[in-house]
Amino acid sequence: MKLGGVALGAALAASATIASAAVTESQFPPKTVRDLIGICAPAKDDPLMTAAINYCHGFAEGAIIVEEAHEGHRDVRRLFCLPSPPPPHGSEINKFIAWANARPSRLDDPAVDGMFIYLAETYPCPQAATRKRRAR
């Protein structure tokens, strides 16, 4: 799954086709999903574009790494399960933004919650992978 995590993180960071408002330093670290969307989708000419894309990549990769750490623990319920092969590069940022914008109340949710909820809804685990923690 390591390659899947890298691919998903890179896909979330690939955002050249999405137009957005200028990124501001107050969005780092992102407090809300709205902030995260701004960071993950800067305009090509935004002075903070490189920092924003790198931060977005790290944020997404962090979510993947946290979930990969659960693989070694029997008592921990997996939140999401990436497919094999992983999503194609550039596909996830558009999906994440569309998911968040589909219900505007999500935009004010904490950024980390939004990322994990999106991943859990988009890549649910088979029942056997989620059953372990509930049995506790």
C-alpha atoms as a PDB file:
ATOM      1  CA  MET A   1       0.000   0.000   0.000  1.00  0.00           C
ATOM      2  CA  LYS A   2       2.988   2.318   0.256  1.00  0.00           C
ATOM      3  CA  LEU A   3       2.920   2.980  -3.469  1.00  0.00           C
ATOM      4  CA  GLY A   4      -0.809   3.633  -3.259  1.00  0.00           C
ATOM      5  CA  GLY A   5      -0.242   6.225  -0.549  1.00  0.00           C
ATOM      6  CA  VAL A   6       2.389   7.995  -2.591  1.00  0.00           C
ATOM      7  CA  ALA A   7       0.178   7.941  -5.676  1.00  0.00           C
ATOM      8  CA  LEU A   8      -2.847   9.256  -3.788  1.00  0.00           C
ATOM      9  CA  GLY A   9      -0.813  11.993  -2.156  1.00  0.00           C
ATOM     10  CA  ALA A  10       0.573  13.015  -5.528  1.00  0.00           C
ATOM     11  CA  ALA A  11      -2.883  12.891  -7.054  1.00  0.00           C
ATOM     12  CA  LEU A  12      -4.254  15.143  -4.336  1.00  0.00           C
ATOM     13  CA  ALA A  13      -1.405  17.565  -4.908  1.00  0.00           C
ATOM     14  CA  ALA A  14      -1.866  17.742  -8.695  1.00  0.00           C
ATOM     15  CA  SER A  15      -4.181  20.707  -9.071  1.00  0.00           C
ATOM     16  CA  ALA A  16      -3.072  22.786 -12.040  1.00  0.00           C
ATOM     17  CA  THR A  17      -6.499  22.667 -13.674  1.00  0.00           C
ATOM     18  CA  ILE A  18      -8.486  24.034 -10.720  1.00  0.00           C
ATOM     19  CA  ALA A  19      -8.984  27.806 -10.429  1.00  0.00           C
ATOM     20  CA  SER A  20      -9.152  29.353  -6.957  1.00  0.00           C
ATOM     21  CA  ALA A  21      -8.652  32.487  -4.907  1.00  0.00           C
ATOM     22  CA  ALA A  22      -5.176  33.519  -3.811  1.00  0.00           C
ATOM     23  CA  VAL A  23      -3.661  31.394  -1.072  1.00  0.00           C
ATOM     24  CA  THR A  24      -2.914  33.292   2.134  1.00  0.00           C
ATOM     25  CA  GLU A  25      -0.451  32.460   4.888  1.00  0.00           C
ATOM     26  CA  SER A  26      -3.364  32.270   7.341  1.00  0.00           C
ATOM     27  CA  GLN A  27      -4.489  29.075   5.586  1.00  0.00           C
ATOM     28  CA  PHE A  28      -1.323  27.277   6.811  1.00  0.00           C
ATOM     29  CA  PRO A  29      -1.952  24.954   8.531  1.00  0.00           C
ATOM     30  CA  PRO A  30      -5.457  24.494   7.149  1.00  0.00           C
ATOM     31  CA  LYS A  31      -8.048  24.766   9.895  1.00  0.00           C
ATOM     32  CA  THR A  32     -11.053  23.935   7.720  1.00  0.00           C
ATOM     33  CA  VAL A  33     -11.842  21.968   4.588  1.00  0.00           C
ATOM     34  CA  ARG A  34     -12.266  25.352   2.881  1.00  0.00           C
ATOM     35  CA  ASP A  35      -8.642  26.213   3.796  1.00  0.00           C
ATOM     36  CA  LEU A  36      -7.442  22.825   2.572  1.00  0.00           C
ATOM     37  CA  ILE A  37      -9.207  23.276  -0.761  1.00  0.00           C
ATOM     38  CA  GLY A  38      -7.537  26.668  -1.140  1.00  0.00           C
ATOM     39  CA  ILE A  39      -4.131  25.157  -0.422  1.00  0.00           C
ATOM     40  CA  CYS A  40      -4.674  22.205  -2.738  1.00  0.00           C
ATOM     41  CA  ALA A  41      -5.939  24.292  -5.639  1.00  0.00           C
ATOM     42  CA  PRO A  42      -3.859  27.471  -5.957  1.00  0.00           C
ATOM     43  CA  ALA A  43      -3.825  29.503  -9.138  1.00  0.00           C
ATOM     44  CA  LYS A  44      -0.808  28.861 -11.378  1.00  0.00           C
ATOM     45  CA  ASP A  45       0.453  32.401 -10.802  1.00  0.00           C
ATOM     46  CA  ASP A  46      -0.147  32.423  -7.022  1.00  0.00           C
ATOM     47  CA  PRO A  47       3.048  33.472  -5.202  1.00  0.00           C
ATOM     48  CA  LEU A  48       2.408  30.711  -2.639  1.00  0.00           C
ATOM     49  CA  MET A  49       1.618  28.041  -5.249  1.00  0.00           C
ATOM     50  CA  THR A  50       4.733  25.918  -4.630  1.00  0.00           C
ATOM     51  CA  ALA A  51       4.342  26.041  -0.860  1.00  0.00           C
ATOM     52  CA  ALA A  52       0.635  25.293  -1.133  1.00  0.00           C
ATOM     53  CA  ILE A  53       1.044  22.301  -3.449  1.00  0.00           C
ATOM     54  CA  ASN A  54       3.844  20.914  -1.296  1.00  0.00           C
ATOM     55  CA  TYR A  55       1.760  21.355   1.837  1.00  0.00           C
ATOM     56  CA  CYS A  56      -1.265  19.716   0.190  1.00  0.00           C
ATOM     57  CA  HIS A  57       0.898  16.789  -0.852  1.00  0.00           C
ATOM     58  CA  GLY A  58       2.246  16.399   2.678  1.00  0.00           C
ATOM     59  CA  PHE A  59      -1.209  16.697   4.222  1.00  0.00           C
ATOM     60  CA  ALA A  60      -2.642  13.985   1.987  1.00  0.00           C
ATOM     61  CA  GLU A  61       0.411  11.781   2.378  1.00  0.00           C
ATOM     62  CA  GLY A  62       0.136  12.175   6.158  1.00  0.00           C
ATOM     63  CA  ALA A  63      -3.398  10.780   6.064  1.00  0.00           C
ATOM     64  CA  ILE A  64      -2.156   7.795   4.075  1.00  0.00           C
ATOM     65  CA  ILE A  65       0.774   7.203   6.444  1.00  0.00           C
ATOM     66  CA  VAL A  66      -1.525   7.265   9.488  1.00  0.00           C
ATOM     67  CA  GLU A  67      -3.733   4.649   7.890  1.00  0.00           C
ATOM     68  CA  GLU A  68      -0.776   2.523   6.795  1.00  0.00           C
ATOM     69  CA  ALA A  69       0.404   2.517  10.418  1.00  0.00           C
ATOM     70  CA  HIS A  70      -2.857   0.781  11.350  1.00  0.00           C
ATOM     71  CA  GLU A  71      -2.041  -2.190   9.133  1.00  0.00           C
ATOM     72  CA  GLY A  72       0.282  -3.636  11.762  1.00  0.00           C
ATOM     73  CA  HIS A  73      -2.240  -3.472  14.604  1.00  0.00           C
ATOM     74  CA  ARG A  74      -4.919  -6.128  14.918  1.00  0.00           C
ATOM     75  CA  ASP A  75      -7.190  -4.127  17.243  1.00  0.00           C
ATOM     76  CA  VAL A  76      -7.398  -0.980  15.139  1.00  0.00           C
ATOM     77  CA  ARG A  77     -10.256  -0.411  12.711  1.00  0.00           C
ATOM     78  CA  ARG A  78      -9.091   0.750   9.293  1.00  0.00           C
ATOM     79  CA  LEU A  79     -10.734   3.978   8.189  1.00  0.00           C
ATOM     80  CA  PHE A  80     -10.225   3.463   4.465  1.00  0.00           C
ATOM     81  CA  CYS A  81      -8.676   0.960   2.080  1.00  0.00           C
ATOM     82  CA  LEU A  82      -7.022   2.205  -1.091  1.00  0.00           C
ATOM     83  CA  PRO A  83      -7.620   0.156  -4.206  1.00  0.00           C
ATOM     84  CA  SER A  84      -4.904  -1.631  -6.107  1.00  0.00           C
ATOM     85  CA  PRO A  85      -3.845  -0.145  -8.411  1.00  0.00           C
ATOM     86  CA  PRO A  86      -4.100   3.264  -6.735  1.00  0.00           C
ATOM     87  CA  PRO A  87      -6.107   6.124  -8.269  1.00  0.00           C
ATOM     88  CA  PRO A  88      -4.512   7.767 -11.323  1.00  0.00           C
ATOM     89  CA  HIS A  89      -2.414  10.884 -10.810  1.00  0.00           C
ATOM     90  CA  GLY A  90      -4.414  14.068 -10.853  1.00  0.00           C
ATOM     91  CA  SER A  91      -7.781  12.440 -10.232  1.00  0.00           C
ATOM     92  CA  GLU A  92      -8.245  12.890  -6.502  1.00  0.00           C
ATOM     93  CA  ILE A  93      -8.042  16.641  -5.970  1.00  0.00           C
ATOM     94  CA  ASN A  94     -10.995  17.275  -8.265  1.00  0.00           C
ATOM     95  CA  LYS A  95     -12.964  14.521  -6.538  1.00  0.00           C
ATOM     96  CA  PHE A  96     -12.123  15.818  -3.049  1.00  0.00           C
ATOM     97  CA  ILE A  97     -13.157  19.368  -3.963  1.00  0.00           C
ATOM     98  CA  ALA A  98     -16.378  18.166  -5.618  1.00  0.00           C
ATOM     99  CA  TRP A  99     -17.130  16.007  -2.568  1.00  0.00           C
ATOM    100  CA  ALA A 100     -16.634  18.946  -0.196  1.00  0.00           C
ATOM    101  CA  ASN A 101     -18.613  21.373  -2.327  1.00  0.00           C
ATOM    102  CA  ALA A 102     -21.513  18.919  -2.764  1.00  0.00           C
ATOM    103  CA  ARG A 103     -22.488  19.689   0.834  1.00  0.00           C
ATOM    104  CA  PRO A 104     -21.310  23.202   1.723  1.00  0.00           C
ATOM    105  CA  SER A 105     -21.536  22.487   5.462  1.00  0.00           C
ATOM    106  CA  ARG A 106     -18.423  20.324   5.006  1.00  0.00           C
ATOM    107  CA  LEU A 107     -16.376  23.399   4.102  1.00  0.00           C
ATOM    108  CA  ASP A 108     -16.289  24.535   7.714  1.00  0.00           C
ATOM    109  CA  ASP A 109     -15.392  21.112   9.122  1.00  0.00           C
ATOM    110  CA  PRO A 110     -11.845  20.620  10.425  1.00  0.00           C
ATOM    111  CA  ALA A 111      -9.474  19.922   7.517  1.00  0.00           C
ATOM    112  CA  VAL A 112      -8.206  16.653   8.947  1.00  0.00           C
ATOM    113  CA  ASP A 113     -11.759  15.386   9.484  1.00  0.00           C
ATOM    114  CA  GLY A 114     -12.670  16.308   5.921  1.00  0.00           C
ATOM    115  CA  MET A 115      -9.694  14.440   4.490  1.00  0.00           C
ATOM    116  CA  PHE A 116     -10.358  11.262   6.480  1.00  0.00           C
ATOM    117  CA  ILE A 117     -14.126  11.336   5.883  1.00  0.00           C
ATOM    118  CA  TYR A 118     -13.574  11.800   2.147  1.00  0.00           C
ATOM    119  CA  LEU A 119     -11.130   8.897   2.032  1.00  0.00           C
ATOM    120  CA  ALA A 120     -13.421   6.678   4.137  1.00  0.00           C
ATOM    121  CA  GLU A 121     -16.438   7.400   1.929  1.00  0.00           C
ATOM    122  CA  THR A 122     -14.492   7.083  -1.310  1.00  0.00           C
ATOM    123  CA  TYR A 123     -12.424   4.017  -0.384  1.00  0.00           C
ATOM    124  CA  PRO A 124     -14.408   2.014   2.173  1.00  0.00           C
ATOM    125  CA  CYS A 125     -12.835  -1.127   3.539  1.00  0.00           C
ATOM    126  CA  PRO A 126     -14.339  -4.571   3.171  1.00  0.00           C
ATOM    127  CA  GLN A 127     -16.476  -5.519   6.175  1.00  0.00           C
ATOM    128  CA  ALA A 128     -13.775  -7.826   7.604  1.00  0.00           C
ATOM    129  CA  ALA A 129     -11.297  -4.937   7.883  1.00  0.00           C
ATOM    130  CA  THR A 130     -13.746  -2.747   9.820  1.00  0.00           C
ATOM    131  CA  ARG A 131     -15.262  -5.423  12.063  1.00  0.00           C
ATOM    132  CA  LYS A 132     -12.255  -5.820  14.373  1.00  0.00           C
ATOM    133  CA  ARG A 133     -12.586  -2.605  16.379  1.00  0.00           C
ATOM    134  CA  ARG A 134     -16.367  -2.862  16.735  1.00  0.00           C
ATOM    135  CA  ALA A 135     -15.983  -6.247  18.433  1.00  0.00           C
ATOM    136  CA  ARG A 136     -14.053  -4.683  21.332  1.00  0.00           C
END
